[in-house]
């Protein structure tokens, strides 16, 4: 039984959540200062992956639609940045809005025909997109570099900026982008649009009776999810400064989906955990046995699912419930607490 009760939205609840966010922000700010450039780069990549996981979470966690094509959306963003910067001399930051726009339009184009599909049929359609992306990139090799990929040859960022090393600068840049995207996603979820999407996920028929048009919101969330994936891919492009087809295969899409499940579907913190999972678990799996890295990686996923079937955040909430009971104000007003 919980030791004490906290009412959601109360001053006590806001104090606890504020302390949690403050501690997380402090870690985010101090991390590149107290670690090496290599560790800083690894966490930069983890933050990038967390944006990719967040984009899939918006689609799967909020609206209940399964996508196996987010590797293609991620790749579109990366190729947009690398090609515009490397071939046309754009500044990398100016390519991010362009990547967001192209990804949004691509997601909209996918979302319209996807209106007639659901469940496994939708997953198969997005799977086809993920599979077709790599040969399509190779087909237009005069623009994309084919199998060899395309790179940003010029040094778009100096070795030091404002007293920060290049790795530290890129880390803070990506961290700011993560904060902005997560804030936008949270505001969208709390808005009328977000409530309509989650209501549609829970039961589409009652949602329609309340005046919610499923087609409109399904296309909107698909396009928005694609836009977030494109932004993540764009930032990936100018952090790595290289894009090649083998970086955006179906394996990446499945890895992002696995990271979402491991972190906790439908949670924001779960996306961060998922990003850390993608970056660090394969790395340390290779340290255990380089030849059996894939096997070790798979075993780790199985063990995590056995211990925490609802993901890491589901496990955390279960443990938290043993210490503190978080209730809604309506429960307090009804006298149940």
Protein backbone atom coordinates (compact mmCIF):
# COMPACT_ATOMS: atom_id res chain seq x y z
CA UNK A 1 0.00 0.00 0.00
CA UNK A 2 1.17 3.50 -0.83
CA UNK A 3 2.65 5.51 2.04
CA UNK A 4 0.93 8.77 1.08
CA UNK A 5 -1.39 10.27 -1.54
CA UNK A 6 -0.68 13.12 -3.95
CA UNK A 7 -3.47 14.79 -5.91
CA UNK A 8 -2.60 15.35 -9.56
CA UNK A 9 -2.38 19.09 -10.30
CA UNK A 10 -1.98 20.10 -6.64
CA UNK A 11 0.86 22.32 -5.43
CA UNK A 12 2.54 19.28 -3.88
CA UNK A 13 2.32 17.39 -7.18
CA UNK A 14 3.70 20.37 -9.10
CA UNK A 15 6.58 20.65 -6.62
CA UNK A 16 7.57 17.01 -7.07
CA UNK A 17 7.31 17.11 -10.87
CA UNK A 18 9.16 20.44 -10.93
CA UNK A 19 12.01 18.95 -8.91
CA UNK A 20 12.13 15.98 -11.29
CA UNK A 21 12.25 18.19 -14.38
CA UNK A 22 14.83 20.45 -12.72
CA UNK A 23 17.09 17.50 -11.94
CA UNK A 24 16.75 16.17 -15.50
CA UNK A 25 17.54 19.61 -16.94
CA UNK A 26 20.58 19.95 -14.67
CA UNK A 27 21.92 16.60 -15.86
CA UNK A 28 21.24 17.62 -19.46
CA UNK A 29 23.21 20.85 -19.08
CA UNK A 30 26.15 19.50 -17.08
CA UNK A 31 26.67 16.21 -18.92
CA UNK A 32 29.02 17.47 -21.70
CA UNK A 33 31.01 19.49 -19.17
CA UNK A 34 31.86 16.52 -16.93
CA UNK A 35 32.33 13.88 -19.66
CA UNK A 36 34.70 13.37 -22.57
CA UNK A 37 33.90 14.40 -26.15
CA UNK A 38 33.30 10.75 -27.07
CA UNK A 39 30.70 10.27 -24.32
CA UNK A 40 29.17 13.63 -25.27
CA UNK A 41 28.84 12.45 -28.87
CA UNK A 42 27.18 9.22 -27.72
CA UNK A 43 24.60 11.13 -25.72
CA UNK A 44 24.06 13.47 -28.67
CA UNK A 45 23.16 10.41 -30.72
CA UNK A 46 20.92 9.12 -27.91
CA UNK A 47 19.01 12.42 -27.97
CA UNK A 48 18.66 12.17 -31.75
CA UNK A 49 17.26 8.65 -31.46
CA UNK A 50 14.86 9.82 -28.73
CA UNK A 51 13.34 12.26 -31.23
CA UNK A 52 12.88 9.39 -33.66
CA UNK A 53 11.22 7.30 -30.95
CA UNK A 54 9.02 10.25 -30.01
CA UNK A 55 7.84 10.57 -33.61
CA UNK A 56 6.76 6.93 -33.65
CA UNK A 57 5.24 7.30 -30.19
CA UNK A 58 2.97 10.05 -31.52
CA UNK A 59 1.63 7.65 -34.13
CA UNK A 60 1.58 4.36 -32.22
CA UNK A 61 1.19 5.50 -28.63
CA UNK A 62 -1.36 8.24 -29.23
CA UNK A 63 -3.42 7.08 -32.19
CA UNK A 64 -2.77 3.33 -32.10
CA UNK A 65 -1.43 3.15 -35.67
CA UNK A 66 1.58 0.92 -36.33
CA UNK A 67 4.34 2.11 -38.65
CA UNK A 68 7.37 0.17 -39.88
CA UNK A 69 8.43 2.91 -42.28
CA UNK A 70 9.90 5.50 -39.92
CA UNK A 71 13.41 4.63 -41.07
CA UNK A 72 12.46 6.06 -44.48
CA UNK A 73 11.09 9.25 -42.91
CA UNK A 74 14.24 9.57 -40.81
CA UNK A 75 16.31 9.05 -43.95
CA UNK A 76 14.39 11.71 -45.88
CA UNK A 77 15.35 14.27 -43.26
CA UNK A 78 18.99 13.20 -43.24
CA UNK A 79 19.32 13.22 -47.04
CA UNK A 80 17.64 16.62 -47.26
CA UNK A 81 20.17 18.18 -44.92
CA UNK A 82 23.26 16.44 -46.29
CA UNK A 83 22.35 17.08 -49.94
CA UNK A 84 21.37 20.73 -49.48
CA UNK A 85 24.43 21.44 -47.34
CA UNK A 86 26.97 19.36 -49.26
CA UNK A 87 25.80 20.02 -52.82
CA UNK A 88 24.17 23.44 -52.66
CA UNK A 89 26.02 25.15 -49.82
CA UNK A 90 23.08 25.66 -47.46
CA UNK A 91 23.79 26.21 -43.78
CA UNK A 92 22.73 23.02 -41.95
CA UNK A 93 20.32 24.84 -39.63
CA UNK A 94 18.45 26.29 -42.61
CA UNK A 95 17.86 22.79 -43.95
CA UNK A 96 15.91 21.69 -40.86
CA UNK A 97 12.69 23.56 -41.79
CA UNK A 98 12.98 22.22 -45.33
CA UNK A 99 13.40 18.66 -44.04
CA UNK A 100 10.40 19.19 -41.76
CA UNK A 101 8.27 20.43 -44.68
CA UNK A 102 9.26 17.60 -47.04
CA UNK A 103 8.69 14.97 -44.36
CA UNK A 104 5.32 16.49 -43.45
CA UNK A 105 4.19 16.40 -47.08
CA UNK A 106 5.46 12.85 -47.49
CA UNK A 107 3.64 11.79 -44.32
CA UNK A 108 0.47 13.47 -45.57
CA UNK A 109 0.78 11.58 -48.86
CA UNK A 110 1.12 8.32 -46.94
CA UNK A 111 -1.66 9.18 -44.50
CA UNK A 112 -4.37 9.67 -47.14
CA UNK A 113 -4.27 6.12 -48.60
CA UNK A 114 -3.67 4.75 -45.11
CA UNK A 115 -7.18 5.90 -44.13
CA UNK A 116 -8.57 2.68 -45.59
CA UNK A 117 -6.10 0.53 -43.65
CA UNK A 118 -5.65 -0.39 -40.01
CA UNK A 119 -3.69 -2.79 -37.85
CA UNK A 120 -1.53 -5.29 -39.72
CA UNK A 121 -2.58 -3.93 -43.13
CA UNK A 122 -1.31 -0.47 -42.23
CA UNK A 123 1.88 -2.01 -40.85
CA UNK A 124 2.41 -3.85 -44.14
CA UNK A 125 1.93 -0.68 -46.16
CA UNK A 126 4.46 1.25 -44.09
CA UNK A 127 6.75 -1.79 -44.23
CA UNK A 128 6.67 -1.57 -48.02
CA UNK A 129 7.68 2.11 -47.81
CA UNK A 130 10.59 1.28 -45.51
CA UNK A 131 11.77 -1.51 -47.80
CA UNK A 132 11.42 0.60 -50.97
CA UNK A 133 13.38 3.55 -49.57
CA UNK A 134 16.85 2.00 -49.91
CA UNK A 135 16.58 0.88 -53.58
CA UNK A 136 14.94 4.20 -54.42
CA UNK A 137 17.91 6.08 -52.96
CA UNK A 138 20.29 3.88 -54.92
CA UNK A 139 18.30 4.44 -58.12
CA UNK A 140 18.97 8.20 -58.16
CA UNK A 141 22.69 7.92 -57.49
CA UNK A 142 23.52 11.08 -59.44
CA UNK A 143 21.85 13.03 -56.62
CA UNK A 144 22.13 10.72 -53.60
CA UNK A 145 25.49 9.12 -54.26
CA UNK A 146 23.91 5.70 -54.61
CA UNK A 147 25.31 2.95 -52.38
CA UNK A 148 28.33 5.12 -51.51
CA UNK A 149 26.12 7.78 -49.96
CA UNK A 150 26.63 11.53 -49.89
CA UNK A 151 28.59 13.62 -47.40
CA UNK A 152 29.18 17.18 -46.26
CA UNK A 153 32.84 17.64 -47.18
CA UNK A 154 33.29 21.17 -45.88
CA UNK A 155 33.68 21.84 -42.17
CA UNK A 156 30.36 23.49 -41.48
CA UNK A 157 31.24 23.88 -37.80
CA UNK A 158 34.68 24.93 -36.52
CA UNK A 159 36.49 22.90 -33.87
CA UNK A 160 35.53 25.47 -31.24
CA UNK A 161 32.53 27.77 -30.92
CA UNK A 162 31.83 30.11 -28.00
CA UNK A 163 34.35 28.25 -25.87
CA UNK A 164 32.73 24.89 -26.62
CA UNK A 165 34.22 22.02 -28.56
CA UNK A 166 32.40 20.89 -31.70
CA UNK A 167 30.93 17.88 -29.88
CA UNK A 168 29.70 20.04 -27.00
CA UNK A 169 28.19 22.59 -29.39
CA UNK A 170 26.33 19.90 -31.36
CA UNK A 171 25.16 18.30 -28.11
CA UNK A 172 23.60 21.52 -26.85
CA UNK A 173 22.10 22.21 -30.27
CA UNK A 174 20.43 18.79 -30.34
CA UNK A 175 19.39 19.11 -26.68
CA UNK A 176 17.60 22.39 -27.43
CA UNK A 177 15.85 20.73 -30.38
CA UNK A 178 14.78 17.84 -28.12
CA UNK A 179 13.32 20.22 -25.55
CA UNK A 180 11.41 22.12 -28.25
CA UNK A 181 10.03 18.99 -29.93
CA UNK A 182 9.01 17.35 -26.66
CA UNK A 183 7.32 20.58 -25.53
CA UNK A 184 5.45 20.83 -28.85
CA UNK A 185 4.42 17.17 -28.63
CA UNK A 186 3.18 17.60 -25.05
CA UNK A 187 1.18 20.72 -25.94
CA UNK A 188 -0.32 18.90 -28.92
CA UNK A 189 -1.32 15.95 -26.74
CA UNK A 190 -2.95 18.27 -24.18
CA UNK A 191 -4.81 20.23 -26.87
CA UNK A 192 -8.20 19.51 -28.41
CA UNK A 193 -6.48 17.76 -31.30
CA UNK A 194 -4.56 15.47 -28.94
CA UNK A 195 -7.66 14.60 -26.96
CA UNK A 196 -9.50 13.81 -30.20
CA UNK A 197 -6.69 11.53 -31.36
CA UNK A 198 -6.55 9.58 -28.10
CA UNK A 199 -10.35 9.31 -28.00
CA UNK A 200 -10.24 7.93 -31.53
CA UNK A 201 -7.59 5.42 -30.46
CA UNK A 202 -9.66 4.18 -27.50
CA UNK A 203 -12.88 3.75 -29.45
CA UNK A 204 -13.54 5.27 -32.85
CA UNK A 205 -17.34 4.95 -32.90
CA UNK A 206 -18.05 6.97 -29.70
CA UNK A 207 -15.47 9.51 -30.91
CA UNK A 208 -17.44 9.98 -34.12
CA UNK A 209 -20.63 10.57 -32.15
CA UNK A 210 -18.86 13.44 -30.37
CA UNK A 211 -18.14 15.14 -33.70
CA UNK A 212 -14.61 13.86 -34.26
CA UNK A 213 -13.75 13.13 -37.89
CA UNK A 214 -11.29 10.20 -37.86
CA UNK A 215 -10.00 10.79 -41.40
CA UNK A 216 -8.89 14.33 -40.62
CA UNK A 217 -7.06 13.44 -37.43
CA UNK A 218 -5.47 10.24 -38.77
CA UNK A 219 -3.88 12.13 -41.66
CA UNK A 220 -2.84 14.97 -39.35
CA UNK A 221 -1.09 12.73 -36.82
CA UNK A 222 0.58 10.71 -39.58
CA UNK A 223 1.94 13.88 -41.19
CA UNK A 224 3.01 15.38 -37.85
CA UNK A 225 4.75 12.15 -36.84
CA UNK A 226 6.56 12.13 -40.19
CA UNK A 227 7.61 15.75 -39.68
CA UNK A 228 9.14 14.97 -36.27
CA UNK A 229 10.99 11.98 -37.76
CA UNK A 230 12.26 14.22 -40.58
CA UNK A 231 13.55 16.81 -38.12
CA UNK A 232 15.35 14.07 -36.17
CA UNK A 233 16.87 12.77 -39.40
CA UNK A 234 17.91 16.27 -40.44
CA UNK A 235 19.78 16.82 -37.18
CA UNK A 236 21.31 13.38 -37.57
CA UNK A 237 22.51 14.45 -41.02
CA UNK A 238 24.58 17.40 -39.89
CA UNK A 239 25.85 15.70 -36.73
CA UNK A 240 27.15 12.73 -38.73
CA UNK A 241 27.64 14.83 -41.93
CA UNK A 242 26.98 11.74 -44.01
CA UNK A 243 23.96 9.83 -45.32
CA UNK A 244 24.01 6.39 -46.91
CA UNK A 245 21.21 3.91 -47.74
CA UNK A 246 22.44 1.25 -45.31
CA UNK A 247 21.87 3.67 -42.41
CA UNK A 248 18.10 3.76 -43.00
CA UNK A 249 17.13 0.17 -43.64
CA UNK A 250 14.20 -1.75 -42.20
CA UNK A 251 16.45 -2.71 -39.28
CA UNK A 252 16.38 0.90 -38.08
CA UNK A 253 12.56 1.00 -38.22
CA UNK A 254 12.30 -2.19 -36.17
CA UNK A 255 14.92 -0.91 -33.72
CA UNK A 256 12.95 2.31 -33.18
CA UNK A 257 9.78 0.29 -32.59
CA UNK A 258 11.63 -1.99 -30.15
CA UNK A 259 13.02 1.06 -28.33
CA UNK A 260 9.50 2.49 -28.03
CA UNK A 261 8.23 -0.72 -26.45
CA UNK A 262 11.23 -0.96 -24.13
CA UNK A 263 10.90 2.67 -23.01
CA UNK A 264 7.12 2.58 -22.62
CA UNK A 265 4.51 3.22 -25.28
CA UNK A 266 2.56 6.45 -24.84
CA UNK A 267 5.05 8.09 -22.45
CA UNK A 268 7.42 10.99 -23.06
CA UNK A 269 10.12 9.77 -20.71
CA UNK A 270 9.90 6.40 -22.45
CA UNK A 271 11.08 8.07 -25.68
CA UNK A 272 14.22 9.31 -23.89
CA UNK A 273 14.83 5.85 -22.44
CA UNK A 274 14.29 4.40 -25.91
CA UNK A 275 16.89 6.74 -27.41
CA UNK A 276 19.42 5.75 -24.76
CA UNK A 277 18.56 2.10 -25.44
CA UNK A 278 19.23 2.42 -29.19
CA UNK A 279 22.58 4.13 -28.68
CA UNK A 280 24.10 2.27 -25.75
CA UNK A 281 22.70 -1.28 -25.68
CA UNK A 282 24.11 -2.31 -29.11
CA UNK A 283 27.43 -0.63 -28.22
CA UNK A 284 27.83 -2.56 -24.98
CA UNK A 285 26.49 -5.72 -26.63
CA UNK A 286 29.49 -5.52 -28.98
CA UNK A 287 31.77 -5.13 -25.97
CA UNK A 288 30.43 -8.42 -24.61
CA UNK A 289 31.00 -10.31 -27.87
CA UNK A 290 31.45 -8.55 -31.19
CA UNK A 291 30.58 -11.66 -33.20
CA UNK A 292 27.39 -12.29 -31.23
CA UNK A 293 26.33 -8.65 -30.76
CA UNK A 294 22.95 -9.23 -32.43
CA UNK A 295 22.24 -12.23 -30.21
CA UNK A 296 23.22 -10.35 -27.05
CA UNK A 297 21.06 -7.40 -28.15
CA UNK A 298 18.06 -9.70 -28.68
CA UNK A 299 18.55 -11.44 -25.33
CA UNK A 300 18.67 -8.05 -23.57
CA UNK A 301 15.34 -7.07 -25.17
CA UNK A 302 13.76 -10.38 -24.09
CA UNK A 303 14.99 -9.98 -20.51
CA UNK A 304 13.69 -6.39 -20.33
CA UNK A 305 10.28 -7.48 -21.62
CA UNK A 306 10.10 -10.28 -19.06
CA UNK A 307 10.98 -7.94 -16.21
CA UNK A 308 8.96 -4.95 -17.45
CA UNK A 309 6.27 -6.02 -19.98
CA UNK A 310 4.90 -2.43 -20.03
CA UNK A 311 8.32 -0.98 -20.68
CA UNK A 312 10.74 0.83 -18.42
CA UNK A 313 8.31 3.63 -17.57
CA UNK A 314 5.59 1.10 -16.81
CA UNK A 315 7.98 -0.54 -14.36
CA UNK A 316 8.82 2.85 -12.81
CA UNK A 317 5.12 3.68 -12.36
CA UNK A 318 4.55 0.30 -10.75
CA UNK A 319 7.38 0.91 -8.28
CA UNK A 320 6.17 4.47 -7.66
CA UNK A 321 2.69 3.17 -6.81
CA UNK A 322 4.21 1.29 -3.86
CA UNK A 323 5.49 4.55 -2.40
CA UNK A 324 3.03 7.26 -3.46
CA UNK A 325 -0.56 7.12 -4.70
CA UNK A 326 -1.21 9.71 -7.42
CA UNK A 327 -4.95 10.36 -7.85
CA UNK A 328 -7.04 12.69 -10.01
CA UNK A 329 -8.97 15.58 -8.39
CA UNK A 330 -12.27 13.97 -9.45
CA UNK A 331 -11.48 10.96 -7.26
CA UNK A 332 -10.90 13.25 -4.27
CA UNK A 333 -14.13 15.13 -4.90
CA UNK A 334 -16.09 11.89 -5.05
CA UNK A 335 -14.81 10.96 -1.60
CA UNK A 336 -13.08 7.76 -2.70
CA UNK A 337 -9.80 8.89 -1.13
